[in-house]
Amino acid sequence: MLKIYGRKNSNQVIQVMWAVGELGLEHVRHNAGGTFGGLDTEQYGRLNPNRLVPTIDDDGFILWESYAIIRYLCRQYGKGSLWPQDDRQAALADQWMEWTNSRFMGVFFPVFWGLIRTPKEQQDPDKIQQSVKATAELLQIFEHHMADKKFVVGASLTMGDIPLGSMMFKYYSLDIERPSLPNIEAWYARLCERGAYREHCMNSFGTSTEEWFALEKAGA
């Protein structure tokens, strides 16, 4: 059985769990990291020398790094669905995964970290607002791309939707100004209709560091 190591509210774990949910894979998830700890143990170090989450154990095959895990699971168990049958479609899905990692994460995540993971007295409103503005500008690229598509590479959900899509719940839940992005909003609405997305991505994260940690424990 597939084993997944990582706490439920870790952004990287959320992405993997959404993929697992879409693929309908039998699995067990072990809480690790954050308030659960466990990453500094000798046992976990043998699984992942970086001592980060997520890590998977697929019947003895150990793999870490969230995007590598998503690609592996989609290719191993989702050919023709999350892993497109056409090689060029698969490459395009991979392209948007990389775009999320290389462009979007570094621009948007400081917003989430600044508002939720940073105590109020330590927050930098100007820096947060700069990141909010930069995120809105960057999303115009994806808005244009989605003009004629239901999902990232066409009519069906693929691995290309997972990294960016998993963060849209945070983007649309934070108390920030957002421009009108009708194509992205329609795409996000389609994601919200999916049971696996609702289960793994649409989990409350509170409005403060204290609530974040409390919800982490409660969601175990």
Protein backbone atom coordinates (compact mmCIF):
# COMPACT_ATOMS: atom_id res chain seq x y z
CA MET A 1 0.00 0.00 0.00
CA LEU A 2 1.14 3.54 -0.75
CA LYS A 3 2.44 5.33 2.34
CA ILE A 4 2.66 9.13 2.44
CA TYR A 5 4.60 11.01 5.09
CA GLY A 6 3.59 14.59 5.76
CA ARG A 7 1.11 16.73 7.65
CA LYS A 8 -2.25 17.45 6.04
CA ASN A 9 -1.84 21.23 5.77
CA SER A 10 1.63 21.34 4.21
CA ASN A 11 1.30 22.93 0.77
CA GLN A 12 3.54 20.30 -0.81
CA VAL A 13 1.63 17.47 0.85
CA ILE A 14 -1.71 18.95 -0.25
CA GLN A 15 -0.61 18.72 -3.88
CA VAL A 16 0.41 15.08 -3.55
CA MET A 17 -2.77 14.16 -1.68
CA TRP A 18 -4.94 15.77 -4.34
CA ALA A 19 -3.20 13.68 -7.00
CA VAL A 20 -3.64 10.56 -4.87
CA GLY A 21 -7.32 11.39 -4.45
CA GLU A 22 -7.89 11.93 -8.16
CA LEU A 23 -6.15 8.64 -8.94
CA GLY A 24 -8.19 6.80 -6.32
CA LEU A 25 -5.11 5.16 -4.82
CA GLU A 26 -5.38 3.11 -1.67
CA HIS A 27 -3.04 4.75 0.79
CA VAL A 28 -2.21 5.67 4.35
CA ARG A 29 -0.83 9.05 5.39
CA HIS A 30 1.44 9.45 8.40
CA ASN A 31 1.59 12.86 10.08
CA ALA A 32 5.12 14.27 9.98
CA GLY A 33 6.63 17.73 10.15
CA GLY A 34 5.25 20.94 11.61
CA THR A 35 3.72 20.50 15.04
CA PHE A 36 3.90 16.70 14.63
CA GLY A 37 7.70 16.61 14.39
CA GLY A 38 9.33 13.29 13.59
CA LEU A 39 11.59 14.56 10.82
CA ASP A 40 14.72 14.42 12.98
CA THR A 41 14.42 10.72 13.73
CA GLU A 42 16.88 8.18 12.38
CA GLN A 43 14.01 6.28 10.76
CA TYR A 44 12.78 9.30 8.80
CA GLY A 45 16.31 10.29 7.86
CA ARG A 46 16.71 6.94 6.12
CA LEU A 47 13.59 7.69 4.06
CA ASN A 48 14.45 11.30 3.26
CA PRO A 49 17.94 12.66 4.06
CA ASN A 50 16.59 16.21 3.57
CA ARG A 51 14.21 15.64 6.49
CA LEU A 52 11.38 17.44 4.68
CA VAL A 53 7.88 16.42 3.60
CA PRO A 54 6.39 14.82 1.63
CA THR A 55 8.00 11.44 1.19
CA ILE A 56 6.26 8.38 -0.22
CA ASP A 57 6.87 4.66 0.11
CA ASP A 58 5.17 2.85 -2.76
CA ASP A 59 5.64 -0.82 -1.89
CA GLY A 60 9.28 -0.21 -1.03
CA PHE A 61 9.98 2.46 -3.64
CA ILE A 62 10.96 5.59 -1.75
CA LEU A 63 10.59 9.00 -3.37
CA TRP A 64 10.75 12.60 -2.14
CA GLU A 65 10.21 16.07 -3.66
CA SER A 66 6.54 16.83 -4.27
CA TYR A 67 6.65 17.43 -8.03
CA ALA A 68 8.70 14.29 -8.60
CA ILE A 69 6.13 12.38 -6.54
CA ILE A 70 3.22 13.83 -8.52
CA ARG A 71 4.87 12.98 -11.84
CA TYR A 72 5.66 9.46 -10.69
CA LEU A 73 2.16 8.74 -9.41
CA CYS A 74 0.50 10.21 -12.50
CA ARG A 75 2.74 8.32 -14.89
CA GLN A 76 2.55 5.08 -12.92
CA TYR A 77 -1.19 5.07 -12.21
CA GLY A 78 -2.77 7.74 -14.40
CA LYS A 79 -1.58 7.33 -18.00
CA GLY A 80 -4.25 8.71 -20.26
CA SER A 81 -5.77 10.80 -17.47
CA LEU A 82 -3.60 12.87 -15.13
CA TRP A 83 -0.63 11.89 -17.27
CA PRO A 84 -1.71 12.75 -20.84
CA GLN A 85 -1.35 10.00 -23.41
CA ASP A 86 0.06 12.45 -25.95
CA ASP A 87 3.71 13.27 -25.21
CA ARG A 88 3.35 16.91 -26.20
CA GLN A 89 0.32 17.35 -23.98
CA ALA A 90 2.30 15.77 -21.15
CA ALA A 91 5.15 18.20 -21.84
CA LEU A 92 2.76 21.15 -21.70
CA ALA A 93 1.32 19.92 -18.42
CA ASP A 94 4.87 19.62 -17.11
CA GLN A 95 5.62 23.14 -18.35
CA TRP A 96 2.85 24.63 -16.20
CA MET A 97 4.00 22.60 -13.21
CA GLU A 98 7.43 24.16 -13.63
CA TRP A 99 5.94 27.63 -14.15
CA THR A 100 4.14 27.29 -10.86
CA ASN A 101 7.36 26.28 -9.15
CA SER A 102 9.72 28.78 -10.78
CA ARG A 103 7.41 31.81 -11.09
CA PHE A 104 4.22 31.61 -9.04
CA MET A 105 5.40 30.10 -5.76
CA GLY A 106 8.07 32.70 -5.12
CA VAL A 107 5.66 35.55 -5.81
CA PHE A 108 2.48 34.34 -4.11
CA PHE A 109 3.70 32.35 -1.13
CA PRO A 110 5.16 35.42 0.62
CA VAL A 111 1.56 36.72 0.73
CA PHE A 112 0.32 33.61 2.51
CA TRP A 113 3.39 33.42 4.74
CA GLY A 114 3.21 37.10 5.57
CA LEU A 115 -0.49 37.09 6.49
CA ILE A 116 -0.95 33.66 8.06
CA ARG A 117 2.42 32.28 9.13
CA THR A 118 3.83 35.53 10.54
CA PRO A 119 2.68 36.99 13.88
CA LYS A 120 0.81 40.28 13.49
CA GLU A 121 3.50 42.33 15.22
CA GLN A 122 6.13 41.02 12.79
CA GLN A 123 4.18 41.49 9.56
CA ASP A 124 5.39 43.91 6.89
CA PRO A 125 2.22 45.32 5.23
CA ASP A 126 4.16 47.08 2.44
CA LYS A 127 6.05 43.91 1.52
CA ILE A 128 2.85 41.86 1.59
CA GLN A 129 1.07 44.37 -0.65
CA GLN A 130 3.96 44.31 -3.12
CA SER A 131 3.63 40.53 -3.32
CA VAL A 132 -0.17 40.78 -3.75
CA LYS A 133 0.35 43.16 -6.68
CA ALA A 134 3.08 41.00 -8.23
CA THR A 135 0.86 37.92 -7.91
CA ALA A 136 -2.03 39.64 -9.70
CA GLU A 137 0.28 40.73 -12.52
CA LEU A 138 1.78 37.27 -12.91
CA LEU A 139 -1.64 35.61 -13.02
CA GLN A 140 -2.43 37.61 -16.15
CA ILE A 141 -0.17 35.15 -18.01
CA PHE A 142 -2.27 32.22 -16.85
CA GLU A 143 -5.51 34.14 -17.41
CA HIS A 144 -4.56 34.61 -21.06
CA HIS A 145 -3.57 30.95 -21.38
CA MET A 146 -6.94 29.78 -20.03
CA ALA A 147 -9.02 31.83 -22.50
CA ASP A 148 -10.06 28.77 -24.50
CA LYS A 149 -9.50 25.92 -22.04
CA LYS A 150 -11.40 24.18 -19.27
CA PHE A 151 -8.23 22.87 -17.69
CA VAL A 152 -4.53 23.66 -18.08
CA VAL A 153 -3.92 21.59 -21.21
CA GLY A 154 -7.45 21.24 -22.55
CA ALA A 155 -10.74 19.59 -21.70
CA SER A 156 -9.58 17.30 -18.88
CA LEU A 157 -7.74 17.65 -15.59
CA THR A 158 -4.06 16.65 -15.75
CA MET A 159 -1.02 16.88 -13.51
CA GLY A 160 -0.51 20.37 -14.96
CA ASP A 161 -3.50 21.64 -12.96
CA ILE A 162 -2.34 20.27 -9.63
CA PRO A 163 0.46 22.55 -8.34
CA LEU A 164 -1.20 25.85 -9.24
CA GLY A 165 -4.73 24.64 -8.59
CA SER A 166 -3.86 23.45 -5.11
CA MET A 167 -2.91 27.03 -4.14
CA MET A 168 -6.01 28.69 -5.57
CA PHE A 169 -8.02 27.95 -2.43
CA LYS A 170 -5.51 30.00 -0.45
CA TYR A 171 -5.49 32.74 -3.08
CA TYR A 172 -9.27 33.08 -3.07
CA SER A 173 -9.60 32.74 0.71
CA LEU A 174 -7.07 35.34 1.83
CA ASP A 175 -8.28 38.84 2.67
CA ILE A 176 -6.50 40.57 -0.22
CA GLU A 177 -7.43 42.60 -3.26
CA ARG A 178 -7.79 40.53 -6.42
CA PRO A 179 -8.34 41.65 -10.00
CA SER A 180 -11.12 40.22 -12.14
CA LEU A 181 -9.74 37.05 -13.74
CA PRO A 182 -12.81 35.41 -15.31
CA ASN A 183 -10.96 32.55 -17.02
CA ILE A 184 -9.11 31.61 -13.83
CA GLU A 185 -12.27 32.02 -11.77
CA ALA A 186 -14.14 29.63 -14.07
CA TRP A 187 -11.27 27.13 -13.86
CA TYR A 188 -11.20 27.41 -10.08
CA ALA A 189 -14.96 26.84 -9.93
CA ARG A 190 -14.47 23.63 -11.94
CA LEU A 191 -11.79 22.50 -9.48
CA CYS A 192 -14.12 23.17 -6.57
CA GLU A 193 -16.64 20.75 -8.07
CA ARG A 194 -14.18 17.86 -7.74
CA GLY A 195 -14.47 15.71 -4.63
CA ALA A 196 -10.72 15.12 -4.31
CA TYR A 197 -10.06 18.86 -4.53
CA ARG A 198 -12.60 19.66 -1.86
CA GLU A 199 -11.23 16.96 0.42
CA HIS A 200 -7.54 17.74 0.14
CA CYS A 201 -7.22 21.39 -0.94
CA MET A 202 -10.16 23.23 0.59
CA ASN A 203 -9.16 23.01 4.23
CA SER A 204 -9.40 26.04 6.49
CA PHE A 205 -6.07 27.58 7.49
CA GLY A 206 -7.38 30.27 9.84
CA THR A 207 -6.39 33.90 10.02
CA SER A 208 -3.27 33.71 12.18
CA THR A 209 -0.28 31.58 13.07
CA GLU A 210 -2.06 30.36 16.20
CA GLU A 211 -5.13 29.26 14.24
CA TRP A 212 -2.89 27.62 11.63
CA PHE A 213 -1.23 25.41 14.24
CA ALA A 214 -4.52 24.66 16.00
CA LEU A 215 -6.15 23.61 12.73
CA GLU A 216 -3.07 21.54 11.86
CA LYS A 217 -3.58 19.48 15.00
CA ALA A 218 -7.35 19.33 14.60
CA GLY A 219 -7.03 18.13 11.01
CA ALA A 220 -4.76 15.24 11.85
